[in-house]
Amino acid sequence: METTWKVENVAEYLGFGRQTVYNKIRTGELPFYKIGRAVRFDPDEVRAWRESKRQGPAQIERGITPDSAGPGPDSNSGKGRPQSE
């Protein structure tokens, strides 16, 4: 079994600052254990928590592709001054 993680380990793994980890502990959002005065984390539970926060790939509307979506943000779509060539 892997050893428990400290706040610093969790912050590094999740890409958070330490204060963000403490805030998530305070709100009960992040699973943790209190051992005496020490806060510890089960690495498997932290990994599962992270996976539960994962957002899936963006849904693409049927029939809309990048080519058919119209002019992009860099094109001059008839608004403002014409671009010089």
N, C-alpha and C. Protein backbone atom coordinates (compact mmCIF):
# COMPACT_ATOMS: atom_id res chain seq x y z
N MET A 1 0.83 -1.18 0.00
CA MET A 1 0.00 0.00 0.00
C MET A 1 0.88 1.25 0.00
N GLU A 2 0.50 2.21 -0.79
CA GLU A 2 1.21 3.47 -0.89
C GLU A 2 1.01 4.28 0.39
N THR A 3 2.02 5.03 0.78
CA THR A 3 1.89 5.85 1.99
C THR A 3 0.91 6.99 1.74
N THR A 4 0.47 7.61 2.81
CA THR A 4 -0.47 8.73 2.68
C THR A 4 0.27 9.97 2.19
N TRP A 5 -0.50 10.89 1.64
CA TRP A 5 0.06 12.15 1.15
C TRP A 5 -0.22 13.28 2.13
N LYS A 6 0.68 14.24 2.14
CA LYS A 6 0.49 15.48 2.90
C LYS A 6 -0.15 16.52 1.98
N VAL A 7 -0.54 17.64 2.56
CA VAL A 7 -1.15 18.72 1.79
C VAL A 7 -0.24 19.13 0.63
N GLU A 8 1.05 19.22 0.87
CA GLU A 8 1.99 19.63 -0.17
C GLU A 8 1.95 18.66 -1.35
N ASN A 9 1.87 17.35 -1.06
CA ASN A 9 1.83 16.35 -2.12
C ASN A 9 0.57 16.49 -2.96
N VAL A 10 -0.56 16.69 -2.29
CA VAL A 10 -1.84 16.82 -2.99
C VAL A 10 -1.85 18.09 -3.83
N ALA A 11 -1.35 19.18 -3.27
CA ALA A 11 -1.29 20.45 -4.01
C ALA A 11 -0.46 20.28 -5.29
N GLU A 12 0.67 19.64 -5.17
CA GLU A 12 1.53 19.44 -6.34
C GLU A 12 0.84 18.53 -7.37
N TYR A 13 0.25 17.44 -6.91
CA TYR A 13 -0.41 16.49 -7.81
C TYR A 13 -1.56 17.14 -8.57
N LEU A 14 -2.36 17.94 -7.87
CA LEU A 14 -3.54 18.55 -8.48
C LEU A 14 -3.24 19.88 -9.18
N GLY A 15 -2.05 20.41 -8.95
CA GLY A 15 -1.71 21.70 -9.54
C GLY A 15 -2.37 22.86 -8.82
N PHE A 16 -2.64 22.68 -7.54
CA PHE A 16 -3.28 23.70 -6.72
C PHE A 16 -2.24 24.31 -5.79
N GLY A 17 -2.57 25.46 -5.24
CA GLY A 17 -1.80 26.01 -4.14
C GLY A 17 -2.23 25.32 -2.85
N ARG A 18 -1.39 25.41 -1.83
CA ARG A 18 -1.73 24.77 -0.55
C ARG A 18 -3.03 25.33 0.01
N GLN A 19 -3.23 26.64 -0.11
CA GLN A 19 -4.45 27.24 0.44
C GLN A 19 -5.69 26.69 -0.24
N THR A 20 -5.62 26.42 -1.53
CA THR A 20 -6.76 25.84 -2.25
C THR A 20 -7.08 24.46 -1.70
N VAL A 21 -6.05 23.68 -1.40
CA VAL A 21 -6.28 22.35 -0.81
C VAL A 21 -6.96 22.52 0.55
N TYR A 22 -6.47 23.44 1.37
CA TYR A 22 -7.09 23.66 2.68
C TYR A 22 -8.54 24.13 2.53
N ASN A 23 -8.81 24.97 1.54
CA ASN A 23 -10.19 25.42 1.31
C ASN A 23 -11.08 24.24 0.93
N LYS A 24 -10.58 23.33 0.10
CA LYS A 24 -11.37 22.17 -0.31
C LYS A 24 -11.56 21.19 0.86
N ILE A 25 -10.62 21.15 1.78
CA ILE A 25 -10.78 20.36 3.00
C ILE A 25 -11.90 20.98 3.85
N ARG A 26 -11.82 22.29 4.03
CA ARG A 26 -12.79 23.00 4.87
C ARG A 26 -14.22 22.85 4.36
N THR A 27 -14.39 22.85 3.03
CA THR A 27 -15.73 22.73 2.45
C THR A 27 -16.17 21.28 2.31
N GLY A 28 -15.27 20.34 2.63
CA GLY A 28 -15.62 18.92 2.53
C GLY A 28 -15.58 18.39 1.11
N GLU A 29 -15.03 19.17 0.21
CA GLU A 29 -14.99 18.76 -1.20
C GLU A 29 -13.94 17.69 -1.47
N LEU A 30 -12.84 17.74 -0.77
CA LEU A 30 -11.72 16.83 -1.00
C LEU A 30 -11.64 15.82 0.14
N PRO A 31 -11.58 14.51 -0.18
CA PRO A 31 -11.52 13.50 0.89
C PRO A 31 -10.17 13.54 1.62
N PHE A 32 -10.22 13.50 2.95
CA PHE A 32 -9.00 13.55 3.75
C PHE A 32 -9.21 12.81 5.06
N TYR A 33 -8.10 12.59 5.76
CA TYR A 33 -8.12 11.97 7.08
C TYR A 33 -7.41 12.89 8.05
N LYS A 34 -7.91 12.94 9.25
CA LYS A 34 -7.29 13.72 10.31
C LYS A 34 -6.65 12.71 11.25
N ILE A 35 -5.33 12.76 11.37
CA ILE A 35 -4.59 11.87 12.25
C ILE A 35 -3.93 12.76 13.30
N GLY A 36 -4.55 12.81 14.48
CA GLY A 36 -4.11 13.79 15.47
C GLY A 36 -4.40 15.17 14.92
N ARG A 37 -3.36 16.00 14.81
CA ARG A 37 -3.53 17.33 14.21
C ARG A 37 -3.15 17.35 12.75
N ALA A 38 -2.63 16.23 12.26
CA ALA A 38 -2.14 16.16 10.88
C ALA A 38 -3.26 15.82 9.91
N VAL A 39 -3.23 16.43 8.74
CA VAL A 39 -4.16 16.13 7.66
C VAL A 39 -3.42 15.23 6.68
N ARG A 40 -4.04 14.10 6.34
CA ARG A 40 -3.43 13.16 5.40
C ARG A 40 -4.46 12.73 4.38
N PHE A 41 -3.95 12.27 3.23
CA PHE A 41 -4.80 11.88 2.11
C PHE A 41 -4.41 10.50 1.62
N ASP A 42 -5.40 9.73 1.22
CA ASP A 42 -5.17 8.45 0.56
C ASP A 42 -4.97 8.78 -0.92
N PRO A 43 -3.80 8.46 -1.48
CA PRO A 43 -3.53 8.79 -2.88
C PRO A 43 -4.58 8.25 -3.85
N ASP A 44 -5.09 7.04 -3.59
CA ASP A 44 -6.12 6.47 -4.48
C ASP A 44 -7.40 7.30 -4.44
N GLU A 45 -7.76 7.80 -3.26
CA GLU A 45 -8.97 8.63 -3.14
C GLU A 45 -8.78 9.98 -3.84
N VAL A 46 -7.57 10.53 -3.75
CA VAL A 46 -7.29 11.80 -4.43
C VAL A 46 -7.35 11.60 -5.94
N ARG A 47 -6.79 10.51 -6.42
CA ARG A 47 -6.85 10.21 -7.86
C ARG A 47 -8.30 10.03 -8.32
N ALA A 48 -9.09 9.32 -7.53
CA ALA A 48 -10.51 9.11 -7.88
C ALA A 48 -11.26 10.44 -7.87
N TRP A 49 -10.96 11.31 -6.90
CA TRP A 49 -11.59 12.62 -6.84
C TRP A 49 -11.26 13.42 -8.09
N ARG A 50 -9.99 13.38 -8.48
CA ARG A 50 -9.56 14.10 -9.69
C ARG A 50 -10.28 13.58 -10.92
N GLU A 51 -10.40 12.28 -11.05
CA GLU A 51 -11.11 11.68 -12.19
C GLU A 51 -12.57 12.10 -12.20
N SER A 52 -13.17 12.22 -11.02
CA SER A 52 -14.58 12.60 -10.95
C SER A 52 -14.80 14.04 -11.41
N LYS A 53 -13.75 14.84 -11.40
CA LYS A 53 -13.84 16.23 -11.83
C LYS A 53 -13.53 16.41 -13.31
N ARG A 54 -13.10 15.35 -13.97
CA ARG A 54 -12.73 15.44 -15.38
C ARG A 54 -13.94 15.76 -16.23
N GLN A 55 -13.75 16.68 -17.15
CA GLN A 55 -14.79 17.03 -18.10
C GLN A 55 -14.50 16.27 -19.39
N GLY A 56 -15.55 15.70 -19.99
CA GLY A 56 -15.39 14.96 -21.23
C GLY A 56 -15.07 15.88 -22.39
N PRO A 57 -14.78 15.29 -23.54
CA PRO A 57 -14.50 16.11 -24.71
C PRO A 57 -15.72 16.94 -25.08
N ALA A 58 -15.49 18.06 -25.69
CA ALA A 58 -16.59 18.96 -26.06
C ALA A 58 -17.53 18.26 -27.02
N GLN A 59 -18.81 18.49 -26.83
CA GLN A 59 -19.81 17.93 -27.73
C GLN A 59 -19.87 18.81 -28.98
N ILE A 60 -19.76 18.19 -30.14
CA ILE A 60 -19.84 18.92 -31.39
C ILE A 60 -21.25 18.77 -31.93
N GLU A 61 -21.88 19.90 -32.23
CA GLU A 61 -23.24 19.84 -32.75
C GLU A 61 -23.23 19.13 -34.09
N ARG A 62 -24.27 18.34 -34.31
CA ARG A 62 -24.38 17.59 -35.55
C ARG A 62 -24.45 18.55 -36.73
N GLY A 63 -23.63 18.29 -37.74
CA GLY A 63 -23.67 19.07 -38.97
C GLY A 63 -22.82 20.32 -38.94
N ILE A 64 -22.25 20.65 -37.80
CA ILE A 64 -21.41 21.84 -37.74
C ILE A 64 -19.96 21.38 -37.63
N THR A 65 -19.18 21.77 -38.60
CA THR A 65 -17.75 21.47 -38.60
C THR A 65 -17.01 22.79 -38.60
N PRO A 66 -15.73 22.79 -38.30
CA PRO A 66 -15.00 24.06 -38.34
C PRO A 66 -15.10 24.75 -39.69
N ASP A 67 -15.17 23.99 -40.80
CA ASP A 67 -15.26 24.59 -42.13
C ASP A 67 -16.62 25.21 -42.40
N SER A 68 -17.68 24.66 -41.83
CA SER A 68 -19.02 25.16 -42.13
C SER A 68 -19.55 26.13 -41.08
N ALA A 69 -18.75 26.41 -40.06
CA ALA A 69 -19.22 27.26 -38.96
C ALA A 69 -19.19 28.74 -39.30
N GLY A 70 -18.64 29.10 -40.43
CA GLY A 70 -18.61 30.50 -40.81
C GLY A 70 -17.23 31.08 -40.59
N PRO A 71 -17.10 32.38 -40.83
CA PRO A 71 -15.78 33.00 -40.72
C PRO A 71 -15.27 32.96 -39.30
N GLY A 72 -13.97 32.83 -39.18
CA GLY A 72 -13.34 32.79 -37.87
C GLY A 72 -13.16 34.18 -37.31
N PRO A 73 -12.61 34.28 -36.11
CA PRO A 73 -12.48 35.58 -35.45
C PRO A 73 -11.52 36.52 -36.16
N ASP A 74 -10.58 35.99 -36.96
CA ASP A 74 -9.61 36.84 -37.63
C ASP A 74 -10.11 37.37 -38.97
N SER A 75 -11.22 36.85 -39.45
CA SER A 75 -11.71 37.29 -40.76
C SER A 75 -12.48 38.59 -40.62
N ASN A 76 -12.52 39.33 -41.69
CA ASN A 76 -13.31 40.56 -41.71
C ASN A 76 -14.67 40.19 -42.27
N SER A 77 -15.66 40.10 -41.42
CA SER A 77 -16.98 39.63 -41.84
C SER A 77 -17.89 40.79 -42.20
N GLY A 78 -17.33 41.82 -42.83
CA GLY A 78 -18.15 42.94 -43.27
C GLY A 78 -18.34 44.00 -42.21
N LYS A 79 -17.69 43.87 -41.09
CA LYS A 79 -17.82 44.86 -40.02
C LYS A 79 -16.52 45.65 -39.92
N GLY A 80 -16.63 46.94 -39.74
CA GLY A 80 -15.45 47.75 -39.57
C GLY A 80 -14.76 48.04 -40.89
N ARG A 81 -13.52 48.48 -40.80
CA ARG A 81 -12.76 48.81 -42.00
C ARG A 81 -12.33 47.57 -42.74
N PRO A 82 -12.30 47.62 -44.06
CA PRO A 82 -11.80 46.47 -44.82
C PRO A 82 -10.31 46.30 -44.55
N GLN A 83 -9.86 45.06 -44.58
CA GLN A 83 -8.45 44.79 -44.39
C GLN A 83 -7.71 45.12 -45.68
N SER A 84 -6.54 45.72 -45.55
CA SER A 84 -5.76 46.03 -46.75
C SER A 84 -5.04 44.77 -47.19
N GLU A 85 -4.84 44.69 -48.49
CA GLU A 85 -4.19 43.48 -49.03
C GLU A 85 -2.78 43.76 -49.39
